[in-house]
Amino acid sequence: MPGLLKAVDRRIESQINFGYDVGRGFVVGEEECRQLLDHIVEHPGMRNKFKNRCDKMRLAVIKELGERRISTALTFLYSFSVI
């Protein structure tokens, strides 16, 4: 039984790390897109609208990544009755 729990824990950790890496990649992509908007969109109002949308999406993903890491850590600690 302990071997099964370790295997499940490794699988869960692998999936969490994969999701975290995808989220980080999204944040980097949003930052790069935001920088390119100055060269792509000429109209200042539209450019600012797109930049604001990029900022909102980026911050939402950063917030979610932080909350997930904290939530996962707490769930792990509760499962072993550490807390």
C-alpha atoms as a PDB file:
ATOM      1  CA  MET A   1       0.000   0.000   0.000  1.00  0.00           C
ATOM      2  CA  PRO A   2       2.764   2.557   0.745  1.00  0.00           C
ATOM      3  CA  GLY A   3       4.190   1.967  -2.748  1.00  0.00           C
ATOM      4  CA  LEU A   4       0.826   2.741  -4.301  1.00  0.00           C
ATOM      5  CA  LEU A   5       0.530   5.963  -2.304  1.00  0.00           C
ATOM      6  CA  LYS A   6       3.996   7.044  -3.389  1.00  0.00           C
ATOM      7  CA  ALA A   7       3.148   6.318  -7.028  1.00  0.00           C
ATOM      8  CA  VAL A   8      -0.085   8.303  -6.778  1.00  0.00           C
ATOM      9  CA  ASP A   9       1.737  11.182  -5.063  1.00  0.00           C
ATOM     10  CA  ARG A  10       4.369  11.236  -7.815  1.00  0.00           C
ATOM     11  CA  ARG A  11       1.662  11.264 -10.493  1.00  0.00           C
ATOM     12  CA  ILE A  12      -0.232  14.097  -8.792  1.00  0.00           C
ATOM     13  CA  GLU A  13       2.952  16.102  -8.313  1.00  0.00           C
ATOM     14  CA  SER A  14       3.851  15.567 -11.962  1.00  0.00           C
ATOM     15  CA  GLN A  15       0.450  16.827 -13.122  1.00  0.00           C
ATOM     16  CA  ILE A  16       0.608  19.848 -10.798  1.00  0.00           C
ATOM     17  CA  ASN A  17       4.086  20.739 -12.032  1.00  0.00           C
ATOM     18  CA  PHE A  18       2.943  20.388 -15.647  1.00  0.00           C
ATOM     19  CA  GLY A  19       0.000  22.734 -15.030  1.00  0.00           C
ATOM     20  CA  TYR A  20       2.271  25.197 -13.288  1.00  0.00           C
ATOM     21  CA  ASP A  21       4.708  25.152 -16.224  1.00  0.00           C
ATOM     22  CA  VAL A  22       1.864  25.727 -18.689  1.00  0.00           C
ATOM     23  CA  GLY A  23       0.651  28.665 -16.599  1.00  0.00           C
ATOM     24  CA  ARG A  24       4.129  30.171 -16.438  1.00  0.00           C
ATOM     25  CA  GLY A  25       4.460  29.783 -20.203  1.00  0.00           C
ATOM     26  CA  PHE A  26       1.145  31.581 -20.662  1.00  0.00           C
ATOM     27  CA  VAL A  27       2.338  34.467 -18.471  1.00  0.00           C
ATOM     28  CA  VAL A  28       5.565  34.811 -20.458  1.00  0.00           C
ATOM     29  CA  GLY A  29       3.606  34.712 -23.727  1.00  0.00           C
ATOM     30  CA  GLU A  30       1.225  37.423 -22.519  1.00  0.00           C
ATOM     31  CA  GLU A  31       4.165  39.634 -21.551  1.00  0.00           C
ATOM     32  CA  GLU A  32       5.749  39.189 -24.965  1.00  0.00           C
ATOM     33  CA  CYS A  33       2.457  39.897 -26.752  1.00  0.00           C
ATOM     34  CA  ARG A  34       1.963  43.021 -24.676  1.00  0.00           C
ATOM     35  CA  GLN A  35       5.388  44.309 -25.719  1.00  0.00           C
ATOM     36  CA  LEU A  36       4.663  43.632 -29.395  1.00  0.00           C
ATOM     37  CA  LEU A  37       1.374  45.532 -29.354  1.00  0.00           C
ATOM     38  CA  ASP A  38       3.228  48.828 -29.782  1.00  0.00           C
ATOM     39  CA  HIS A  39       4.474  47.565 -33.160  1.00  0.00           C
ATOM     40  CA  ILE A  40       1.241  45.899 -34.258  1.00  0.00           C
ATOM     41  CA  VAL A  41      -1.619  48.233 -33.255  1.00  0.00           C
ATOM     42  CA  GLU A  42      -1.451  51.853 -34.361  1.00  0.00           C
ATOM     43  CA  HIS A  43      -4.619  53.183 -32.736  1.00  0.00           C
ATOM     44  CA  PRO A  44      -3.726  54.249 -29.156  1.00  0.00           C
ATOM     45  CA  GLY A  45      -7.160  53.455 -27.733  1.00  0.00           C
ATOM     46  CA  MET A  46      -7.227  49.945 -29.149  1.00  0.00           C
ATOM     47  CA  ARG A  47      -3.610  49.364 -28.154  1.00  0.00           C
ATOM     48  CA  ASN A  48      -4.400  50.312 -24.548  1.00  0.00           C
ATOM     49  CA  LYS A  49      -7.498  48.109 -24.584  1.00  0.00           C
ATOM     50  CA  PHE A  50      -5.439  45.109 -25.713  1.00  0.00           C
ATOM     51  CA  LYS A  51      -2.700  45.882 -23.182  1.00  0.00           C
ATOM     52  CA  ASN A  52      -5.250  46.060 -20.379  1.00  0.00           C
ATOM     53  CA  ARG A  53      -6.715  42.721 -21.466  1.00  0.00           C
ATOM     54  CA  CYS A  54      -3.229  41.161 -21.500  1.00  0.00           C
ATOM     55  CA  ASP A  55      -2.562  42.550 -18.020  1.00  0.00           C
ATOM     56  CA  LYS A  56      -5.849  41.201 -16.638  1.00  0.00           C
ATOM     57  CA  MET A  57      -5.286  37.731 -18.091  1.00  0.00           C
ATOM     58  CA  ARG A  58      -1.683  37.629 -16.911  1.00  0.00           C
ATOM     59  CA  LEU A  59      -2.565  38.700 -13.374  1.00  0.00           C
ATOM     60  CA  ALA A  60      -5.468  36.236 -13.197  1.00  0.00           C
ATOM     61  CA  VAL A  61      -3.161  33.360 -14.133  1.00  0.00           C
ATOM     62  CA  ILE A  62      -0.473  34.496 -11.683  1.00  0.00           C
ATOM     63  CA  LYS A  63      -3.071  34.664  -8.920  1.00  0.00           C
ATOM     64  CA  GLU A  64      -4.412  31.212  -9.795  1.00  0.00           C
ATOM     65  CA  LEU A  65      -0.911  29.719  -9.858  1.00  0.00           C
ATOM     66  CA  GLY A  66      -0.168  31.127  -6.418  1.00  0.00           C
ATOM     67  CA  GLU A  67      -3.467  29.951  -4.942  1.00  0.00           C
ATOM     68  CA  ARG A  68      -3.032  26.469  -6.415  1.00  0.00           C
ATOM     69  CA  ARG A  69       0.441  26.056  -4.962  1.00  0.00           C
ATOM     70  CA  ILE A  70      -0.791  27.098  -1.513  1.00  0.00           C
ATOM     71  CA  SER A  71      -3.924  24.951  -1.763  1.00  0.00           C
ATOM     72  CA  THR A  72      -1.945  21.916  -2.906  1.00  0.00           C
ATOM     73  CA  ALA A  73       0.586  22.300  -0.118  1.00  0.00           C
ATOM     74  CA  LEU A  74      -2.159  22.594   2.513  1.00  0.00           C
ATOM     75  CA  THR A  75      -4.021  19.575   1.118  1.00  0.00           C
ATOM     76  CA  PHE A  76      -0.824  17.563   1.227  1.00  0.00           C
ATOM     77  CA  LEU A  77      -0.119  18.581   4.821  1.00  0.00           C
ATOM     78  CA  TYR A  78      -3.711  17.857   5.919  1.00  0.00           C
ATOM     79  CA  SER A  79      -3.574  14.408   4.344  1.00  0.00           C
ATOM     80  CA  PHE A  80      -0.679  13.498   6.613  1.00  0.00           C
ATOM     81  CA  SER A  81      -2.228  15.215   9.648  1.00  0.00           C
ATOM     82  CA  VAL A  82       0.733  17.586   9.920  1.00  0.00           C
ATOM     83  CA  ILE A  83      -1.533  20.580  10.423  1.00  0.00           C
END
